[in-house]
Amino acid sequence: MEFVVYILFSEKIQKYYVGFSGDLEKRLEDHNAGKAIFTSTGKPWKLIHYFHCDSRTEAIKMESSIKKRGIKRYLQDKGIL
């Protein structure tokens, strides 16, 4: 199964969010429907970028490294922002 690490942004609360999923479309729907407690206050969330990973382990490691660096700083380092 392929996993995706995704980065979202909420204009409402001016925050970024990073997560991973095997089904990006459904996960984004869940975030914007308020089904995820942490992101429910920031809806609507906009998909900023995503990365494909070959395994769940790889996705977990990538998500962790993005969080450690800081999501905005990570995006700036990669030239995405």
C-alpha atoms as a PDB file:
ATOM      1  CA  MET A   1       0.000   0.000   0.000  1.00  0.00           C
ATOM      2  CA  GLU A   2       1.208   3.492  -0.815  1.00  0.00           C
ATOM      3  CA  PHE A   3       1.034   6.231   1.793  1.00  0.00           C
ATOM      4  CA  VAL A   4       1.025   9.983   1.387  1.00  0.00           C
ATOM      5  CA  VAL A   5       2.411  12.585   3.782  1.00  0.00           C
ATOM      6  CA  TYR A   6       0.350  15.737   3.331  1.00  0.00           C
ATOM      7  CA  ILE A   7       0.558  19.346   4.477  1.00  0.00           C
ATOM      8  CA  LEU A   8      -2.564  21.435   4.976  1.00  0.00           C
ATOM      9  CA  PHE A   9      -3.070  25.116   5.739  1.00  0.00           C
ATOM     10  CA  SER A  10      -5.979  26.873   7.437  1.00  0.00           C
ATOM     11  CA  GLU A  11      -6.451  30.537   6.573  1.00  0.00           C
ATOM     12  CA  LYS A  12      -8.972  30.773   9.414  1.00  0.00           C
ATOM     13  CA  ILE A  13      -6.409  30.020  12.146  1.00  0.00           C
ATOM     14  CA  GLN A  14      -3.229  30.697  10.108  1.00  0.00           C
ATOM     15  CA  LYS A  15      -1.750  27.286  10.923  1.00  0.00           C
ATOM     16  CA  TYR A  16      -0.195  24.374   9.066  1.00  0.00           C
ATOM     17  CA  TYR A  17      -0.933  20.720   9.718  1.00  0.00           C
ATOM     18  CA  VAL A  18       1.015  17.642   8.618  1.00  0.00           C
ATOM     19  CA  GLY A  19      -0.257  14.081   8.577  1.00  0.00           C
ATOM     20  CA  PHE A  20      -0.142  10.872   6.567  1.00  0.00           C
ATOM     21  CA  SER A  21      -2.760   8.606   5.074  1.00  0.00           C
ATOM     22  CA  GLY A  22      -3.349   5.777   2.651  1.00  0.00           C
ATOM     23  CA  ASP A  23      -6.305   7.695   1.188  1.00  0.00           C
ATOM     24  CA  LEU A  24      -5.560  11.409   0.859  1.00  0.00           C
ATOM     25  CA  GLU A  25      -8.931  12.438  -0.591  1.00  0.00           C
ATOM     26  CA  LYS A  26     -10.901  10.777   2.219  1.00  0.00           C
ATOM     27  CA  ARG A  27      -8.566  12.161   4.874  1.00  0.00           C
ATOM     28  CA  LEU A  28      -8.918  15.710   3.530  1.00  0.00           C
ATOM     29  CA  GLU A  29     -12.711  15.269   3.523  1.00  0.00           C
ATOM     30  CA  ASP A  30     -12.528  14.110   7.154  1.00  0.00           C
ATOM     31  CA  HIS A  31     -10.487  17.170   8.166  1.00  0.00           C
ATOM     32  CA  ASN A  32     -12.911  19.528   6.433  1.00  0.00           C
ATOM     33  CA  ALA A  33     -15.956  17.755   7.865  1.00  0.00           C
ATOM     34  CA  GLY A  34     -14.668  18.235  11.407  1.00  0.00           C
ATOM     35  CA  LYS A  35     -14.147  14.504  12.006  1.00  0.00           C
ATOM     36  CA  ALA A  36     -10.568  15.038  13.183  1.00  0.00           C
ATOM     37  CA  ILE A  37     -10.631  16.769  16.586  1.00  0.00           C
ATOM     38  CA  PHE A  38      -7.340  18.659  16.246  1.00  0.00           C
ATOM     39  CA  THR A  39      -8.202  20.167  12.855  1.00  0.00           C
ATOM     40  CA  SER A  40     -11.924  20.779  13.387  1.00  0.00           C
ATOM     41  CA  THR A  41     -11.446  24.431  14.421  1.00  0.00           C
ATOM     42  CA  GLY A  42      -9.418  25.313  11.327  1.00  0.00           C
ATOM     43  CA  LYS A  43     -11.726  24.207   8.555  1.00  0.00           C
ATOM     44  CA  PRO A  44     -11.662  24.645   5.669  1.00  0.00           C
ATOM     45  CA  TRP A  45      -8.189  23.192   5.183  1.00  0.00           C
ATOM     46  CA  LYS A  46      -6.330  23.666   1.925  1.00  0.00           C
ATOM     47  CA  LEU A  47      -3.890  21.063   0.626  1.00  0.00           C
ATOM     48  CA  ILE A  48      -0.482  22.738   0.244  1.00  0.00           C
ATOM     49  CA  HIS A  49       1.718  19.807  -0.750  1.00  0.00           C
ATOM     50  CA  TYR A  50       2.029  16.039  -0.503  1.00  0.00           C
ATOM     51  CA  PHE A  51       4.763  13.417  -0.789  1.00  0.00           C
ATOM     52  CA  HIS A  52       4.394   9.766  -1.798  1.00  0.00           C
ATOM     53  CA  CYS A  53       5.936   7.147   0.507  1.00  0.00           C
ATOM     54  CA  ASP A  54       6.470   3.457  -0.180  1.00  0.00           C
ATOM     55  CA  SER A  55       5.607   2.321   3.344  1.00  0.00           C
ATOM     56  CA  ARG A  56       3.835   3.365   6.514  1.00  0.00           C
ATOM     57  CA  THR A  57       7.199   3.440   8.299  1.00  0.00           C
ATOM     58  CA  GLU A  58       8.636   5.840   5.734  1.00  0.00           C
ATOM     59  CA  ALA A  59       5.537   8.078   6.054  1.00  0.00           C
ATOM     60  CA  ILE A  60       5.820   8.159   9.863  1.00  0.00           C
ATOM     61  CA  LYS A  61       9.503   9.105   9.659  1.00  0.00           C
ATOM     62  CA  MET A  62       8.844  11.856   7.120  1.00  0.00           C
ATOM     63  CA  GLU A  63       5.925  13.282   9.127  1.00  0.00           C
ATOM     64  CA  SER A  64       8.103  13.303  12.241  1.00  0.00           C
ATOM     65  CA  SER A  65      11.009  15.047  10.509  1.00  0.00           C
ATOM     66  CA  ILE A  66       8.683  17.726   9.106  1.00  0.00           C
ATOM     67  CA  LYS A  67       7.216  18.359  12.560  1.00  0.00           C
ATOM     68  CA  LYS A  68      10.678  18.568  14.133  1.00  0.00           C
ATOM     69  CA  ARG A  69      11.845  21.140  11.578  1.00  0.00           C
ATOM     70  CA  GLY A  70       8.591  23.097  11.750  1.00  0.00           C
ATOM     71  CA  ILE A  71       6.115  22.796   8.899  1.00  0.00           C
ATOM     72  CA  LYS A  72       6.460  26.328   7.540  1.00  0.00           C
ATOM     73  CA  ARG A  73      10.260  26.231   7.797  1.00  0.00           C
ATOM     74  CA  TYR A  74      10.319  22.807   6.092  1.00  0.00           C
ATOM     75  CA  LEU A  75       8.233  24.158   3.203  1.00  0.00           C
ATOM     76  CA  GLN A  76      10.515  27.175   2.890  1.00  0.00           C
ATOM     77  CA  ASP A  77      13.634  24.966   2.932  1.00  0.00           C
ATOM     78  CA  LYS A  78      12.187  22.879   0.077  1.00  0.00           C
ATOM     79  CA  GLY A  79      11.212  25.973  -1.931  1.00  0.00           C
ATOM     80  CA  ILE A  80       7.520  25.150  -1.743  1.00  0.00           C
ATOM     81  CA  LEU A  81       6.585  28.416  -0.008  1.00  0.00           C
END
